Amino acid sequence: MTTRNVCWLALALVTMMLGVTGCSHAAASEHAPASRPAAKVEAGDGSHPARITLSEEAVRRLGIETQPVRTANGSGAGAALVPYSAVVYDAEGSAWAFTSPSQRTYVRAPLKILAIENDRVTLTSGPPPGTELVTVGAAELVGAEAGINGEE
């Protein structure tokens, strides 16, 4: 091989290495995790459950959705109805849901279930009609309350 060919070969190798390094850097930055959703958890005591406050970005990224508690007969009186998607069970089998007392703030509330029919749950006790309950994203709120950061 001549000196000229060795120089061209070296230049080609350097160029390829720079190209590969540049591609891997670009690919890494494209897939780098964005800033994580922020959740602030104020621990509850024996008389009050924890209070979870999410950033606007966290609410958007988690896709949090709510629906109000309704009455069974639609007139404001009678048993309360909630979507089954709002119901979360703890390790002991007790049912509860996350209420949303204010924007981006969530608090657990106990539920006593009378019946489940299709995707509707009739309650004997729980949050009053009109209370907003989380119907999408409750599992993520459980994780936030328990201190699970998504890496576990």
C-alpha atoms as a PDB file:
ATOM      1  CA  MET A   1       0.000   0.000   0.000  1.00  0.00           C
ATOM      2  CA  THR A   2       1.302   3.408  -0.857  1.00  0.00           C
ATOM      3  CA  THR A   3       1.572   6.303   1.556  1.00  0.00           C
ATOM      4  CA  ARG A   4      -1.154   8.068  -0.364  1.00  0.00           C
ATOM      5  CA  ASN A   5      -3.528   5.106   0.043  1.00  0.00           C
ATOM      6  CA  VAL A   6      -2.752   4.852   3.765  1.00  0.00           C
ATOM      7  CA  CYS A   7      -3.565   8.558   4.199  1.00  0.00           C
ATOM      8  CA  TRP A   8      -6.881   8.126   2.365  1.00  0.00           C
ATOM      9  CA  LEU A   9      -7.694   5.025   4.406  1.00  0.00           C
ATOM     10  CA  ALA A  10      -6.873   6.864   7.666  1.00  0.00           C
ATOM     11  CA  LEU A  11      -9.000   9.840   6.591  1.00  0.00           C
ATOM     12  CA  ALA A  12     -11.883   7.509   5.701  1.00  0.00           C
ATOM     13  CA  LEU A  13     -11.669   5.767   9.089  1.00  0.00           C
ATOM     14  CA  VAL A  14     -11.589   9.068  10.986  1.00  0.00           C
ATOM     15  CA  THR A  15     -14.570  10.328   8.993  1.00  0.00           C
ATOM     16  CA  MET A  16     -16.513   7.134   9.701  1.00  0.00           C
ATOM     17  CA  MET A  17     -15.706   7.321  13.401  1.00  0.00           C
ATOM     18  CA  LEU A  18     -16.864  10.923  13.591  1.00  0.00           C
ATOM     19  CA  GLY A  19     -20.063  10.013  11.758  1.00  0.00           C
ATOM     20  CA  VAL A  20     -20.801   7.085  14.068  1.00  0.00           C
ATOM     21  CA  THR A  21     -20.066   9.167  17.162  1.00  0.00           C
ATOM     22  CA  GLY A  22     -22.291  11.960  15.881  1.00  0.00           C
ATOM     23  CA  CYS A  23     -25.141   9.545  15.148  1.00  0.00           C
ATOM     24  CA  SER A  24     -24.964   7.878  18.510  1.00  0.00           C
ATOM     25  CA  HIS A  25     -24.927  11.258  20.240  1.00  0.00           C
ATOM     26  CA  ALA A  26     -27.948  12.421  18.246  1.00  0.00           C
ATOM     27  CA  ALA A  27     -29.797   9.186  18.951  1.00  0.00           C
ATOM     28  CA  ALA A  28     -29.048   9.411  22.672  1.00  0.00           C
ATOM     29  CA  SER A  29     -30.308  12.969  22.910  1.00  0.00           C
ATOM     30  CA  GLU A  30     -33.496  12.074  21.009  1.00  0.00           C
ATOM     31  CA  HIS A  31     -34.264   9.311  23.490  1.00  0.00           C
ATOM     32  CA  ALA A  32     -33.024  11.017  26.627  1.00  0.00           C
ATOM     33  CA  PRO A  33     -35.747  11.128  29.251  1.00  0.00           C
ATOM     34  CA  ALA A  34     -37.478  14.458  29.593  1.00  0.00           C
ATOM     35  CA  SER A  35     -37.737  16.027  33.008  1.00  0.00           C
ATOM     36  CA  ARG A  36     -39.826  13.786  35.201  1.00  0.00           C
ATOM     37  CA  PRO A  37     -43.308  14.776  36.277  1.00  0.00           C
ATOM     38  CA  ALA A  38     -43.186  16.457  39.659  1.00  0.00           C
ATOM     39  CA  ALA A  39     -45.360  15.180  42.482  1.00  0.00           C
ATOM     40  CA  LYS A  40     -45.400  16.722  45.924  1.00  0.00           C
ATOM     41  CA  VAL A  41     -46.755  14.402  48.610  1.00  0.00           C
ATOM     42  CA  GLU A  42     -47.815  15.835  51.952  1.00  0.00           C
ATOM     43  CA  ALA A  43     -47.930  12.841  54.279  1.00  0.00           C
ATOM     44  CA  GLY A  44     -51.182  12.231  56.059  1.00  0.00           C
ATOM     45  CA  ASP A  45     -51.653  11.411  59.704  1.00  0.00           C
ATOM     46  CA  GLY A  46     -54.091   9.022  61.315  1.00  0.00           C
ATOM     47  CA  SER A  47     -57.035  11.331  60.711  1.00  0.00           C
ATOM     48  CA  HIS A  48     -56.178  12.623  57.220  1.00  0.00           C
ATOM     49  CA  PRO A  49     -54.847  10.829  54.128  1.00  0.00           C
ATOM     50  CA  ALA A  50     -51.865  12.059  52.155  1.00  0.00           C
ATOM     51  CA  ARG A  51     -52.358  14.980  49.770  1.00  0.00           C
ATOM     52  CA  ILE A  52     -50.711  14.718  46.357  1.00  0.00           C
ATOM     53  CA  THR A  53     -50.109  17.819  44.253  1.00  0.00           C
ATOM     54  CA  LEU A  54     -48.871  17.380  40.685  1.00  0.00           C
ATOM     55  CA  SER A  55     -47.228  19.858  38.355  1.00  0.00           C
ATOM     56  CA  GLU A  56     -49.156  20.769  35.201  1.00  0.00           C
ATOM     57  CA  GLU A  57     -46.657  18.718  33.191  1.00  0.00           C
ATOM     58  CA  ALA A  58     -47.241  15.690  35.436  1.00  0.00           C
ATOM     59  CA  VAL A  59     -51.016  15.895  35.000  1.00  0.00           C
ATOM     60  CA  ARG A  60     -50.572  16.102  31.233  1.00  0.00           C
ATOM     61  CA  ARG A  61     -48.005  13.314  30.983  1.00  0.00           C
ATOM     62  CA  LEU A  62     -49.928  10.974  33.276  1.00  0.00           C
ATOM     63  CA  GLY A  63     -53.173  11.693  31.423  1.00  0.00           C
ATOM     64  CA  ILE A  64     -55.124  12.303  34.623  1.00  0.00           C
ATOM     65  CA  GLU A  65     -58.886  12.412  34.010  1.00  0.00           C
ATOM     66  CA  THR A  66     -61.741  12.875  36.474  1.00  0.00           C
ATOM     67  CA  GLN A  67     -65.505  12.404  36.585  1.00  0.00           C
ATOM     68  CA  PRO A  68     -67.970  13.542  39.227  1.00  0.00           C
ATOM     69  CA  VAL A  69     -69.749  11.209  41.622  1.00  0.00           C
ATOM     70  CA  ARG A  70     -73.372  10.917  40.450  1.00  0.00           C
ATOM     71  CA  THR A  71     -76.593   9.880  42.166  1.00  0.00           C
ATOM     72  CA  ALA A  72     -78.333   6.635  41.250  1.00  0.00           C
ATOM     73  CA  ASN A  73     -81.653   8.247  40.373  1.00  0.00           C
ATOM     74  CA  GLY A  74     -80.219  11.452  38.880  1.00  0.00           C
ATOM     75  CA  SER A  75     -82.257  13.698  41.190  1.00  0.00           C
ATOM     76  CA  GLY A  76     -79.547  14.437  43.739  1.00  0.00           C
ATOM     77  CA  ALA A  77     -80.829  11.922  46.290  1.00  0.00           C
ATOM     78  CA  GLY A  78     -80.143   8.210  46.689  1.00  0.00           C
ATOM     79  CA  ALA A  79     -77.093   6.037  46.396  1.00  0.00           C
ATOM     80  CA  ALA A  80     -73.959   7.393  44.749  1.00  0.00           C
ATOM     81  CA  LEU A  81     -72.642   6.024  41.443  1.00  0.00           C
ATOM     82  CA  VAL A  82     -69.006   6.100  40.367  1.00  0.00           C
ATOM     83  CA  PRO A  83     -67.197   4.679  37.339  1.00  0.00           C
ATOM     84  CA  TYR A  84     -65.444   1.388  38.116  1.00  0.00           C
ATOM     85  CA  SER A  85     -62.237   2.929  36.725  1.00  0.00           C
ATOM     86  CA  ALA A  86     -62.162   5.231  39.776  1.00  0.00           C
ATOM     87  CA  VAL A  87     -62.046   2.339  42.269  1.00  0.00           C
ATOM     88  CA  VAL A  88     -58.666   1.275  43.683  1.00  0.00           C
ATOM     89  CA  TYR A  89     -58.193  -1.600  46.124  1.00  0.00           C
ATOM     90  CA  ASP A  90     -55.535  -1.698  48.813  1.00  0.00           C
ATOM     91  CA  ALA A  91     -53.660  -4.786  50.020  1.00  0.00           C
ATOM     92  CA  GLU A  92     -56.392  -5.563  52.573  1.00  0.00           C
ATOM     93  CA  GLY A  93     -59.124  -5.438  49.909  1.00  0.00           C
ATOM     94  CA  SER A  94     -60.613  -2.104  50.986  1.00  0.00           C
ATOM     95  CA  ALA A  95     -61.934   0.077  48.173  1.00  0.00           C
ATOM     96  CA  TRP A  96     -61.110   3.745  47.757  1.00  0.00           C
ATOM     97  CA  ALA A  97     -60.723   6.425  45.109  1.00  0.00           C
ATOM     98  CA  PHE A  98     -58.734   9.602  44.605  1.00  0.00           C
ATOM     99  CA  THR A  99     -60.785  12.774  44.916  1.00  0.00           C
ATOM    100  CA  SER A 100     -59.672  16.030  43.334  1.00  0.00           C
ATOM    101  CA  PRO A 101     -60.609  18.766  45.806  1.00  0.00           C
ATOM    102  CA  SER A 102     -58.761  21.379  43.746  1.00  0.00           C
ATOM    103  CA  GLN A 103     -56.903  21.594  40.467  1.00  0.00           C
ATOM    104  CA  ARG A 104     -53.908  19.183  40.331  1.00  0.00           C
ATOM    105  CA  THR A 105     -54.495  18.043  43.939  1.00  0.00           C
ATOM    106  CA  TYR A 106     -55.574  14.505  44.852  1.00  0.00           C
ATOM    107  CA  VAL A 107     -56.621  12.888  48.131  1.00  0.00           C
ATOM    108  CA  ARG A 108     -57.648   9.290  48.838  1.00  0.00           C
ATOM    109  CA  ALA A 109     -61.219   8.694  50.011  1.00  0.00           C
ATOM    110  CA  PRO A 110     -62.665   5.404  51.323  1.00  0.00           C
ATOM    111  CA  LEU A 111     -65.540   3.746  49.453  1.00  0.00           C
ATOM    112  CA  LYS A 112     -68.146   1.250  50.659  1.00  0.00           C
ATOM    113  CA  ILE A 113     -69.447  -0.659  47.659  1.00  0.00           C
ATOM    114  CA  LEU A 114     -73.041  -1.926  47.469  1.00  0.00           C
ATOM    115  CA  ALA A 115     -72.938  -3.313  43.921  1.00  0.00           C
ATOM    116  CA  ILE A 116     -70.882  -3.386  40.738  1.00  0.00           C
ATOM    117  CA  GLU A 117     -72.736  -3.588  37.458  1.00  0.00           C
ATOM    118  CA  ASN A 118     -70.778  -3.338  34.206  1.00  0.00           C
ATOM    119  CA  ASP A 119     -68.590  -0.256  34.629  1.00  0.00           C
ATOM    120  CA  ARG A 120     -70.755   1.433  37.308  1.00  0.00           C
ATOM    121  CA  VAL A 121     -70.297   1.059  41.052  1.00  0.00           C
ATOM    122  CA  THR A 122     -73.094   1.834  43.505  1.00  0.00           C
ATOM    123  CA  LEU A 123     -71.801   3.082  46.841  1.00  0.00           C
ATOM    124  CA  THR A 124     -73.344   2.937  50.303  1.00  0.00           C
ATOM    125  CA  SER A 125     -70.799   5.514  51.464  1.00  0.00           C
ATOM    126  CA  GLY A 126     -68.073   7.594  49.922  1.00  0.00           C
ATOM    127  CA  PRO A 127     -67.554  11.092  48.545  1.00  0.00           C
ATOM    128  CA  PRO A 128     -70.759  13.109  48.030  1.00  0.00           C
ATOM    129  CA  PRO A 129     -72.309  13.603  44.570  1.00  0.00           C
ATOM    130  CA  GLY A 130     -70.444  16.176  42.531  1.00  0.00           C
ATOM    131  CA  THR A 131     -67.023  15.267  43.981  1.00  0.00           C
ATOM    132  CA  GLU A 132     -64.473  14.789  41.202  1.00  0.00           C
ATOM    133  CA  LEU A 133     -62.840  11.335  41.219  1.00  0.00           C
ATOM    134  CA  VAL A 134     -59.770  10.292  39.251  1.00  0.00           C
ATOM    135  CA  THR A 135     -60.832   7.800  36.565  1.00  0.00           C
ATOM    136  CA  VAL A 136     -57.542   7.688  34.623  1.00  0.00           C
ATOM    137  CA  GLY A 137     -54.184   7.808  36.374  1.00  0.00           C
ATOM    138  CA  ALA A 138     -55.127   6.464  39.812  1.00  0.00           C
ATOM    139  CA  ALA A 139     -52.431   3.781  39.681  1.00  0.00           C
ATOM    140  CA  GLU A 140     -49.795   6.460  39.112  1.00  0.00           C
ATOM    141  CA  LEU A 141     -51.129   8.402  42.100  1.00  0.00           C
ATOM    142  CA  VAL A 142     -50.857   5.253  44.228  1.00  0.00           C
ATOM    143  CA  GLY A 143     -47.215   5.049  43.157  1.00  0.00           C
ATOM    144  CA  ALA A 144     -46.590   8.705  43.946  1.00  0.00           C
ATOM    145  CA  GLU A 145     -48.166   8.347  47.377  1.00  0.00           C
ATOM    146  CA  ALA A 146     -46.096   5.226  48.091  1.00  0.00           C
ATOM    147  CA  GLY A 147     -42.915   6.941  46.941  1.00  0.00           C
ATOM    148  CA  ILE A 148     -42.395   4.733  43.880  1.00  0.00           C
ATOM    149  CA  ASN A 149     -40.521   6.753  41.300  1.00  0.00           C
ATOM    150  CA  GLY A 150     -41.107   4.624  38.184  1.00  0.00           C
ATOM    151  CA  GLU A 151     -37.623   3.084  38.271  1.00  0.00           C
ATOM    152  CA  GLU A 152     -38.735   0.388  40.712  1.00  0.00           C
END
